[in-house]
């Protein structure tokens, strides 16, 4: 069943387009009702997926819904494979010397898999990060220098640091060695699964001592765009030109304006959000 909205919006305004072309945007017209629940149909690499449309109704975030993109290989192995291919394709075009990511159950596997397809001298740095309340001691124990505080879109305060060398590690780079290898960020790429508010990438830049005008790049699978159901347009969003992505993932605001049946939205409960459905529906 198609989503019950009269106005279908797909094409982004000129100021929201990326680079020389326009990356795909999956929005209102891509919502489907499958087995009595809403899902968002997307295309990643050569595979179609129906993502659970999840009701984001937690403190600090305007009531909204979004297709739950989860590349965790244990829950969504096909998304993990498609994300690996998409990231590999982007990184091969960028040709980085060093790739930087955070530890993450969602994205770490596909990023590592993509890096293995790059030239063998490509370096990978994993920044320790986690909940400020639950993981401070662990992050401090695995980091050198001052920790950076940040708050992602979920509203949970987090900490991030630069990794210390562990015994037997041969490919370690100190912060000074990294700066010499990638002066002013040239040849360095920060990677993640989804670019939402930019808080995580900004924290990574802070940990690495990067500045706004430096030459580093960012590569993500998706950029989150906010579609206002009341006004029927995408909200303006400032995304750095240095961000590379495979597609735009729409966050739907103003659910009343979209005529949403909330009983058909999946509940925001991370462990129990169902996996994606593979294929067109």
C-alpha atoms as a PDB file:
ATOM      1  CA  UNK A   1       0.000   0.000   0.000  1.00  0.00           C
ATOM      2  CA  UNK A   2       1.337   3.430  -0.908  1.00  0.00           C
ATOM      3  CA  UNK A   3       1.796   6.034   1.801  1.00  0.00           C
ATOM      4  CA  UNK A   4      -1.336   8.267   2.223  1.00  0.00           C
ATOM      5  CA  UNK A   5       0.152  11.624   1.251  1.00  0.00           C
ATOM      6  CA  UNK A   6      -1.127  13.649  -1.686  1.00  0.00           C
ATOM      7  CA  UNK A   7       2.015  15.640  -2.375  1.00  0.00           C
ATOM      8  CA  UNK A   8       5.008  13.542  -3.376  1.00  0.00           C
ATOM      9  CA  UNK A   9       8.412  15.161  -2.888  1.00  0.00           C
ATOM     10  CA  UNK A  10      11.577  13.593  -4.283  1.00  0.00           C
ATOM     11  CA  UNK A  11      13.825  16.174  -5.932  1.00  0.00           C
ATOM     12  CA  UNK A  12      15.977  18.271  -3.610  1.00  0.00           C
ATOM     13  CA  UNK A  13      16.393  22.031  -3.983  1.00  0.00           C
ATOM     14  CA  UNK A  14      19.610  23.143  -5.652  1.00  0.00           C
ATOM     15  CA  UNK A  15      21.315  24.119  -2.364  1.00  0.00           C
ATOM     16  CA  UNK A  16      20.883  20.588  -1.007  1.00  0.00           C
ATOM     17  CA  UNK A  17      22.555  18.801  -3.901  1.00  0.00           C
ATOM     18  CA  UNK A  18      25.946  17.217  -3.509  1.00  0.00           C
ATOM     19  CA  UNK A  19      28.958  17.729  -5.780  1.00  0.00           C
ATOM     20  CA  UNK A  20      28.497  17.562  -9.555  1.00  0.00           C
ATOM     21  CA  UNK A  21      25.384  15.391  -9.445  1.00  0.00           C
ATOM     22  CA  UNK A  22      22.430  14.705  -7.229  1.00  0.00           C
ATOM     23  CA  UNK A  23      22.599  11.663  -4.982  1.00  0.00           C
ATOM     24  CA  UNK A  24      19.362   9.680  -4.559  1.00  0.00           C
ATOM     25  CA  UNK A  25      16.868  10.882  -1.969  1.00  0.00           C
ATOM     26  CA  UNK A  26      14.436   8.387  -0.449  1.00  0.00           C
ATOM     27  CA  UNK A  27      11.420  10.224   0.950  1.00  0.00           C
ATOM     28  CA  UNK A  28       7.623  10.338   1.065  1.00  0.00           C
ATOM     29  CA  UNK A  29       7.034   8.490  -2.174  1.00  0.00           C
ATOM     30  CA  UNK A  30       9.231   5.621  -0.987  1.00  0.00           C
ATOM     31  CA  UNK A  31       7.193   4.739   2.109  1.00  0.00           C
ATOM     32  CA  UNK A  32       5.331   1.433   1.910  1.00  0.00           C
ATOM     33  CA  UNK A  33       2.942  -0.413   4.192  1.00  0.00           C
ATOM     34  CA  UNK A  34       4.149  -3.999   4.554  1.00  0.00           C
ATOM     35  CA  UNK A  35       2.361  -6.483   6.813  1.00  0.00           C
ATOM     36  CA  UNK A  36       0.503  -3.619   8.478  1.00  0.00           C
ATOM     37  CA  UNK A  37       3.619  -1.571   9.314  1.00  0.00           C
ATOM     38  CA  UNK A  38       5.360   1.320   7.574  1.00  0.00           C
ATOM     39  CA  UNK A  39       8.743   0.868   5.914  1.00  0.00           C
ATOM     40  CA  UNK A  40      10.982   3.085   3.800  1.00  0.00           C
ATOM     41  CA  UNK A  41      12.157   1.648   0.494  1.00  0.00           C
ATOM     42  CA  UNK A  42      15.777   2.527  -0.375  1.00  0.00           C
ATOM     43  CA  UNK A  43      18.357   1.401  -2.901  1.00  0.00           C
ATOM     44  CA  UNK A  44      21.969   0.882  -1.819  1.00  0.00           C
ATOM     45  CA  UNK A  45      24.588  -0.325  -4.271  1.00  0.00           C
ATOM     46  CA  UNK A  46      22.653  -2.866  -6.357  1.00  0.00           C
ATOM     47  CA  UNK A  47      20.176  -3.977  -3.676  1.00  0.00           C
ATOM     48  CA  UNK A  48      16.768  -2.667  -2.565  1.00  0.00           C
ATOM     49  CA  UNK A  49      15.887  -2.622   1.133  1.00  0.00           C
ATOM     50  CA  UNK A  50      12.716  -1.844   3.077  1.00  0.00           C
ATOM     51  CA  UNK A  51      13.837  -0.193   6.310  1.00  0.00           C
ATOM     52  CA  UNK A  52      11.558  -0.149   9.382  1.00  0.00           C
ATOM     53  CA  UNK A  53      10.028   3.341   9.706  1.00  0.00           C
ATOM     54  CA  UNK A  54      10.758   4.130  13.359  1.00  0.00           C
ATOM     55  CA  UNK A  55       8.950   6.654  15.539  1.00  0.00           C
ATOM     56  CA  UNK A  56      11.608   8.960  17.061  1.00  0.00           C
ATOM     57  CA  UNK A  57       9.814  10.217  20.114  1.00  0.00           C
ATOM     58  CA  UNK A  58      12.558  10.666  22.701  1.00  0.00           C
ATOM     59  CA  UNK A  59      13.482  13.759  24.764  1.00  0.00           C
ATOM     60  CA  UNK A  60      15.227  16.565  22.910  1.00  0.00           C
ATOM     61  CA  UNK A  61      14.083  15.485  19.450  1.00  0.00           C
ATOM     62  CA  UNK A  62      11.005  16.778  17.688  1.00  0.00           C
ATOM     63  CA  UNK A  63       8.494  14.010  17.116  1.00  0.00           C
ATOM     64  CA  UNK A  64       9.546  12.391  13.863  1.00  0.00           C
ATOM     65  CA  UNK A  65      10.002   9.113  11.991  1.00  0.00           C
ATOM     66  CA  UNK A  66      12.949   7.766  10.022  1.00  0.00           C
ATOM     67  CA  UNK A  67      13.900   4.662   8.081  1.00  0.00           C
ATOM     68  CA  UNK A  68      16.148   2.722  10.481  1.00  0.00           C
ATOM     69  CA  UNK A  69      19.442   2.210   8.635  1.00  0.00           C
ATOM     70  CA  UNK A  70      21.412  -0.404  10.561  1.00  0.00           C
ATOM     71  CA  UNK A  71      24.467  -1.983   8.854  1.00  0.00           C
ATOM     72  CA  UNK A  72      25.191  -4.235  11.848  1.00  0.00           C
ATOM     73  CA  UNK A  73      26.341  -7.486  10.154  1.00  0.00           C
ATOM     74  CA  UNK A  74      24.610  -9.670  12.756  1.00  0.00           C
ATOM     75  CA  UNK A  75      21.203  -8.067  12.201  1.00  0.00           C
ATOM     76  CA  UNK A  76      21.342  -6.887   8.589  1.00  0.00           C
ATOM     77  CA  UNK A  77      24.128  -8.757   6.762  1.00  0.00           C
ATOM     78  CA  UNK A  78      22.917  -7.686   3.311  1.00  0.00           C
ATOM     79  CA  UNK A  79      22.971  -4.001   4.326  1.00  0.00           C
ATOM     80  CA  UNK A  80      26.462  -4.576   5.728  1.00  0.00           C
ATOM     81  CA  UNK A  81      27.569  -5.947   2.339  1.00  0.00           C
ATOM     82  CA  UNK A  82      25.926  -3.119   0.387  1.00  0.00           C
ATOM     83  CA  UNK A  83      27.401  -0.488   2.717  1.00  0.00           C
ATOM     84  CA  UNK A  84      30.839  -2.070   2.302  1.00  0.00           C
ATOM     85  CA  UNK A  85      30.585  -1.762  -1.480  1.00  0.00           C
ATOM     86  CA  UNK A  86      29.300   1.824  -1.309  1.00  0.00           C
ATOM     87  CA  UNK A  87      32.069   2.881   1.081  1.00  0.00           C
ATOM     88  CA  UNK A  88      34.726   1.057  -0.928  1.00  0.00           C
ATOM     89  CA  UNK A  89      33.592   2.874  -4.087  1.00  0.00           C
ATOM     90  CA  UNK A  90      33.738   6.298  -2.417  1.00  0.00           C
ATOM     91  CA  UNK A  91      37.112   5.709  -0.779  1.00  0.00           C
ATOM     92  CA  UNK A  92      38.711   4.452  -3.993  1.00  0.00           C
ATOM     93  CA  UNK A  93      37.731   7.749  -5.628  1.00  0.00           C
ATOM     94  CA  UNK A  94      39.066   9.821  -2.710  1.00  0.00           C
ATOM     95  CA  UNK A  95      42.317   7.788  -2.405  1.00  0.00           C
ATOM     96  CA  UNK A  96      43.010   8.420   1.308  1.00  0.00           C
ATOM     97  CA  UNK A  97      46.289   7.830   3.097  1.00  0.00           C
ATOM     98  CA  UNK A  98      44.585   7.543   6.493  1.00  0.00           C
ATOM     99  CA  UNK A  99      41.000   6.636   7.423  1.00  0.00           C
ATOM    100  CA  UNK A 100      39.581   7.518  10.835  1.00  0.00           C
ATOM    101  CA  UNK A 101      36.463   6.041  12.439  1.00  0.00           C
ATOM    102  CA  UNK A 102      35.002   5.468  15.921  1.00  0.00           C
ATOM    103  CA  UNK A 103      34.352   2.090  17.520  1.00  0.00           C
ATOM    104  CA  UNK A 104      30.778   1.156  16.621  1.00  0.00           C
ATOM    105  CA  UNK A 105      28.736  -2.050  16.559  1.00  0.00           C
ATOM    106  CA  UNK A 106      26.781  -0.635  13.606  1.00  0.00           C
ATOM    107  CA  UNK A 107      29.488   0.623  11.291  1.00  0.00           C
ATOM    108  CA  UNK A 108      32.884  -0.733  12.322  1.00  0.00           C
ATOM    109  CA  UNK A 109      32.587  -4.017  10.404  1.00  0.00           C
ATOM    110  CA  UNK A 110      31.626  -2.608   6.995  1.00  0.00           C
ATOM    111  CA  UNK A 111      34.220   0.162   7.244  1.00  0.00           C
ATOM    112  CA  UNK A 112      36.974  -2.324   8.061  1.00  0.00           C
ATOM    113  CA  UNK A 113      35.825  -4.516   5.167  1.00  0.00           C
ATOM    114  CA  UNK A 114      35.936  -1.544   2.779  1.00  0.00           C
ATOM    115  CA  UNK A 115      39.423  -0.533   3.967  1.00  0.00           C
ATOM    116  CA  UNK A 116      40.703  -4.048   3.207  1.00  0.00           C
ATOM    117  CA  UNK A 117      39.855  -3.429  -0.471  1.00  0.00           C
ATOM    118  CA  UNK A 118      42.104  -0.346  -0.578  1.00  0.00           C
ATOM    119  CA  UNK A 119      45.889  -0.246  -1.180  1.00  0.00           C
ATOM    120  CA  UNK A 120      47.701  -2.111   1.638  1.00  0.00           C
ATOM    121  CA  UNK A 121      49.516   1.024   2.837  1.00  0.00           C
ATOM    122  CA  UNK A 122      46.201   2.725   3.733  1.00  0.00           C
ATOM    123  CA  UNK A 123      46.181   3.343   7.500  1.00  0.00           C
ATOM    124  CA  UNK A 124      43.117   2.956   9.748  1.00  0.00           C
ATOM    125  CA  UNK A 125      42.688   4.706  13.107  1.00  0.00           C
ATOM    126  CA  UNK A 126      39.794   3.775  15.419  1.00  0.00           C
ATOM    127  CA  UNK A 127      38.924   6.434  18.003  1.00  0.00           C
ATOM    128  CA  UNK A 128      37.634   5.146  21.373  1.00  0.00           C
ATOM    129  CA  UNK A 129      34.165   6.550  22.118  1.00  0.00           C
ATOM    130  CA  UNK A 130      31.094   5.818  24.210  1.00  0.00           C
ATOM    131  CA  UNK A 131      28.638   7.024  26.822  1.00  0.00           C
ATOM    132  CA  UNK A 132      30.102   9.634  29.165  1.00  0.00           C
ATOM    133  CA  UNK A 133      28.224   8.132  32.102  1.00  0.00           C
ATOM    134  CA  UNK A 134      28.844   4.440  31.419  1.00  0.00           C
ATOM    135  CA  UNK A 135      32.178   4.300  29.594  1.00  0.00           C
ATOM    136  CA  UNK A 136      34.384   7.135  30.911  1.00  0.00           C
ATOM    137  CA  UNK A 137      36.907   4.875  32.676  1.00  0.00           C
ATOM    138  CA  UNK A 138      37.170   2.556  29.669  1.00  0.00           C
ATOM    139  CA  UNK A 139      37.661   5.430  27.209  1.00  0.00           C
ATOM    140  CA  UNK A 140      40.230   7.119  29.426  1.00  0.00           C
ATOM    141  CA  UNK A 141      42.096   3.829  29.730  1.00  0.00           C
ATOM    142  CA  UNK A 142      42.273   3.406  25.962  1.00  0.00           C
ATOM    143  CA  UNK A 143      43.094   7.015  25.068  1.00  0.00           C
ATOM    144  CA  UNK A 144      45.991   9.461  25.155  1.00  0.00           C
ATOM    145  CA  UNK A 145      45.585  13.191  25.688  1.00  0.00           C
ATOM    146  CA  UNK A 146      42.405  15.110  26.485  1.00  0.00           C
ATOM    147  CA  UNK A 147      38.983  13.566  25.824  1.00  0.00           C
ATOM    148  CA  UNK A 148      36.384  15.386  23.715  1.00  0.00           C
ATOM    149  CA  UNK A 149      32.765  15.640  24.893  1.00  0.00           C
ATOM    150  CA  UNK A 150      29.914  15.631  22.361  1.00  0.00           C
ATOM    151  CA  UNK A 151      26.208  14.898  22.144  1.00  0.00           C
ATOM    152  CA  UNK A 152      24.839  13.109  19.049  1.00  0.00           C
ATOM    153  CA  UNK A 153      21.242  13.350  17.871  1.00  0.00           C
ATOM    154  CA  UNK A 154      20.078  10.706  20.387  1.00  0.00           C
ATOM    155  CA  UNK A 155      20.862  13.165  23.199  1.00  0.00           C
ATOM    156  CA  UNK A 156      23.202  10.843  25.123  1.00  0.00           C
ATOM    157  CA  UNK A 157      26.387  12.707  26.194  1.00  0.00           C
ATOM    158  CA  UNK A 158      29.467  10.890  24.904  1.00  0.00           C
ATOM    159  CA  UNK A 159      33.243  11.034  25.105  1.00  0.00           C
ATOM    160  CA  UNK A 160      35.870  10.425  22.438  1.00  0.00           C
ATOM    161  CA  UNK A 161      39.649  10.173  22.550  1.00  0.00           C
ATOM    162  CA  UNK A 162      42.743   9.370  20.502  1.00  0.00           C
ATOM    163  CA  UNK A 163      43.798   5.719  20.869  1.00  0.00           C
ATOM    164  CA  UNK A 164      46.925   4.770  22.777  1.00  0.00           C
ATOM    165  CA  UNK A 165      49.238   2.139  21.358  1.00  0.00           C
ATOM    166  CA  UNK A 166      48.662  -1.400  22.563  1.00  0.00           C
ATOM    167  CA  UNK A 167      51.373  -4.024  22.998  1.00  0.00           C
ATOM    168  CA  UNK A 168      52.362  -5.681  19.738  1.00  0.00           C
ATOM    169  CA  UNK A 169      50.691  -3.063  17.519  1.00  0.00           C
ATOM    170  CA  UNK A 170      52.972  -2.236  14.568  1.00  0.00           C
ATOM    171  CA  UNK A 171      50.863   0.135  12.476  1.00  0.00           C
ATOM    172  CA  UNK A 172      50.215   2.745  15.189  1.00  0.00           C
ATOM    173  CA  UNK A 173      50.413   6.477  14.430  1.00  0.00           C
ATOM    174  CA  UNK A 174      50.958   9.034  17.168  1.00  0.00           C
ATOM    175  CA  UNK A 175      49.030  12.313  16.769  1.00  0.00           C
ATOM    176  CA  UNK A 176      52.280  13.995  15.626  1.00  0.00           C
ATOM    177  CA  UNK A 177      52.987  11.255  13.076  1.00  0.00           C
ATOM    178  CA  UNK A 178      49.440  11.614  11.752  1.00  0.00           C
ATOM    179  CA  UNK A 179      49.898  15.363  11.275  1.00  0.00           C
ATOM    180  CA  UNK A 180      53.143  14.785   9.379  1.00  0.00           C
ATOM    181  CA  UNK A 181      51.550  12.155   7.140  1.00  0.00           C
ATOM    182  CA  UNK A 182      48.425  14.273   6.514  1.00  0.00           C
ATOM    183  CA  UNK A 183      49.416  17.961   6.872  1.00  0.00           C
ATOM    184  CA  UNK A 184      46.328  20.154   7.330  1.00  0.00           C
ATOM    185  CA  UNK A 185      44.259  16.988   6.942  1.00  0.00           C
ATOM    186  CA  UNK A 186      45.316  16.333   3.340  1.00  0.00           C
ATOM    187  CA  UNK A 187      44.912  12.624   2.597  1.00  0.00           C
ATOM    188  CA  UNK A 188      42.780  11.968   5.710  1.00  0.00           C
ATOM    189  CA  UNK A 189      39.164  10.771   5.525  1.00  0.00           C
ATOM    190  CA  UNK A 190      36.723  10.569   8.445  1.00  0.00           C
ATOM    191  CA  UNK A 191      34.149   7.808   7.905  1.00  0.00           C
ATOM    192  CA  UNK A 192      30.783   6.907   9.477  1.00  0.00           C
ATOM    193  CA  UNK A 193      27.465   5.344   8.527  1.00  0.00           C
ATOM    194  CA  UNK A 194      25.079   8.356   8.646  1.00  0.00           C
ATOM    195  CA  UNK A 195      25.720  12.115   8.790  1.00  0.00           C
ATOM    196  CA  UNK A 196      22.920  13.598  10.899  1.00  0.00           C
ATOM    197  CA  UNK A 197      23.760  16.713  12.932  1.00  0.00           C
ATOM    198  CA  UNK A 198      27.501  16.537  12.301  1.00  0.00           C
ATOM    199  CA  UNK A 199      28.201  16.299  16.050  1.00  0.00           C
ATOM    200  CA  UNK A 200      30.126  13.018  15.787  1.00  0.00           C
ATOM    201  CA  UNK A 201      32.283  14.115  12.856  1.00  0.00           C
ATOM    202  CA  UNK A 202      32.954  17.447  14.611  1.00  0.00           C
ATOM    203  CA  UNK A 203      34.110  15.539  17.711  1.00  0.00           C
ATOM    204  CA  UNK A 204      36.410  13.415  15.546  1.00  0.00           C
ATOM    205  CA  UNK A 205      37.857  16.574  13.997  1.00  0.00           C
ATOM    206  CA  UNK A 206      38.432  17.981  17.481  1.00  0.00           C
ATOM    207  CA  UNK A 207      40.216  14.830  18.670  1.00  0.00           C
ATOM    208  CA  UNK A 208      42.409  14.910  15.560  1.00  0.00           C
ATOM    209  CA  UNK A 209      43.154  18.636  15.903  1.00  0.00           C
ATOM    210  CA  UNK A 210      41.553  19.459  12.546  1.00  0.00           C
ATOM    211  CA  UNK A 211      40.127  22.880  11.684  1.00  0.00           C
ATOM    212  CA  UNK A 212      37.217  23.898   9.469  1.00  0.00           C
ATOM    213  CA  UNK A 213      39.424  24.989   6.583  1.00  0.00           C
ATOM    214  CA  UNK A 214      41.623  21.882   6.576  1.00  0.00           C
ATOM    215  CA  UNK A 215      41.747  19.533   3.576  1.00  0.00           C
ATOM    216  CA  UNK A 216      40.372  16.345   5.137  1.00  0.00           C
ATOM    217  CA  UNK A 217      37.266  14.657   3.700  1.00  0.00           C
ATOM    218  CA  UNK A 218      34.233  12.913   5.220  1.00  0.00           C
ATOM    219  CA  UNK A 219      32.641   9.774   3.773  1.00  0.00           C
ATOM    220  CA  UNK A 220      29.295   8.377   4.956  1.00  0.00           C
ATOM    221  CA  UNK A 221      26.767   6.003   3.468  1.00  0.00           C
ATOM    222  CA  UNK A 222      23.826   8.375   4.033  1.00  0.00           C
ATOM    223  CA  UNK A 223      23.065  11.996   4.878  1.00  0.00           C
ATOM    224  CA  UNK A 224      19.951  12.594   6.932  1.00  0.00           C
ATOM    225  CA  UNK A 225      17.561  15.231   5.494  1.00  0.00           C
ATOM    226  CA  UNK A 226      14.539  16.580   7.350  1.00  0.00           C
ATOM    227  CA  UNK A 227      11.230  16.711   5.493  1.00  0.00           C
ATOM    228  CA  UNK A 228       8.618  18.948   7.125  1.00  0.00           C
ATOM    229  CA  UNK A 229       5.235  17.286   6.761  1.00  0.00           C
ATOM    230  CA  UNK A 230       3.408  20.512   7.671  1.00  0.00           C
ATOM    231  CA  UNK A 231       4.991  22.670   4.974  1.00  0.00           C
ATOM    232  CA  UNK A 232       5.688  19.892   2.457  1.00  0.00           C
ATOM    233  CA  UNK A 233       9.339  20.873   1.876  1.00  0.00           C
ATOM    234  CA  UNK A 234      12.803  19.810   2.986  1.00  0.00           C
ATOM    235  CA  UNK A 235      14.285  21.970   5.691  1.00  0.00           C
ATOM    236  CA  UNK A 236      17.521  23.766   4.771  1.00  0.00           C
ATOM    237  CA  UNK A 237      20.587  21.930   6.019  1.00  0.00           C
ATOM    238  CA  UNK A 238      24.194  23.033   5.857  1.00  0.00           C
ATOM    239  CA  UNK A 239      26.354  20.106   4.836  1.00  0.00           C
ATOM    240  CA  UNK A 240      30.091  20.669   4.262  1.00  0.00           C
ATOM    241  CA  UNK A 241      31.144  20.270   0.633  1.00  0.00           C
ATOM    242  CA  UNK A 242      33.791  17.796   1.787  1.00  0.00           C
ATOM    243  CA  UNK A 243      31.083  15.227   2.741  1.00  0.00           C
ATOM    244  CA  UNK A 244      30.672  12.296   0.321  1.00  0.00           C
ATOM    245  CA  UNK A 245      27.594  10.048   0.520  1.00  0.00           C
ATOM    246  CA  UNK A 246      25.705   7.348  -1.372  1.00  0.00           C
ATOM    247  CA  UNK A 247      22.163   8.613  -0.680  1.00  0.00           C
ATOM    248  CA  UNK A 248      19.963  10.990   1.324  1.00  0.00           C
ATOM    249  CA  UNK A 249      17.875   9.400   4.103  1.00  0.00           C
ATOM    250  CA  UNK A 250      14.747  11.396   4.952  1.00  0.00           C
ATOM    251  CA  UNK A 251      13.651  12.100   8.520  1.00  0.00           C
ATOM    252  CA  UNK A 252       9.937  12.900   8.486  1.00  0.00           C
ATOM    253  CA  UNK A 253       8.831  15.742  10.766  1.00  0.00           C
ATOM    254  CA  UNK A 254       5.286  16.957  11.405  1.00  0.00           C
ATOM    255  CA  UNK A 255       3.676  13.534  11.479  1.00  0.00           C
ATOM    256  CA  UNK A 256       0.197  15.022  11.797  1.00  0.00           C
ATOM    257  CA  UNK A 257       0.705  16.859   8.508  1.00  0.00           C
ATOM    258  CA  UNK A 258       1.734  13.602   6.863  1.00  0.00           C
ATOM    259  CA  UNK A 259      -1.466  11.894   8.015  1.00  0.00           C
ATOM    260  CA  UNK A 260       0.531   9.131   9.702  1.00  0.00           C
ATOM    261  CA  UNK A 261      -1.108   6.238  11.522  1.00  0.00           C
ATOM    262  CA  UNK A 262       1.275   6.039  14.486  1.00  0.00           C
ATOM    263  CA  UNK A 263       0.221   2.483  15.281  1.00  0.00           C
ATOM    264  CA  UNK A 264       1.937   1.453  12.038  1.00  0.00           C
ATOM    265  CA  UNK A 265       5.270   3.024  13.002  1.00  0.00           C
ATOM    266  CA  UNK A 266       7.926   0.851  14.618  1.00  0.00           C
ATOM    267  CA  UNK A 267       8.837   1.718  18.221  1.00  0.00           C
ATOM    268  CA  UNK A 268      12.191   3.331  19.000  1.00  0.00           C
ATOM    269  CA  UNK A 269      13.658   0.400  20.919  1.00  0.00           C
ATOM    270  CA  UNK A 270      17.066  -0.348  19.408  1.00  0.00           C
ATOM    271  CA  UNK A 271      17.440  -4.028  20.369  1.00  0.00           C
ATOM    272  CA  UNK A 272      13.939  -4.857  19.150  1.00  0.00           C
ATOM    273  CA  UNK A 273      13.736  -2.852  15.916  1.00  0.00           C
ATOM    274  CA  UNK A 274      13.203  -5.536  13.235  1.00  0.00           C
ATOM    275  CA  UNK A 275      15.739  -6.071  10.462  1.00  0.00           C
ATOM    276  CA  UNK A 276      15.376  -4.617   7.007  1.00  0.00           C
ATOM    277  CA  UNK A 277      13.496  -6.548   4.326  1.00  0.00           C
ATOM    278  CA  UNK A 278      15.656  -7.286   1.292  1.00  0.00           C
ATOM    279  CA  UNK A 279      14.192  -6.648  -2.154  1.00  0.00           C
ATOM    280  CA  UNK A 280      11.442  -4.497  -3.652  1.00  0.00           C
ATOM    281  CA  UNK A 281       7.957  -4.614  -2.114  1.00  0.00           C
END
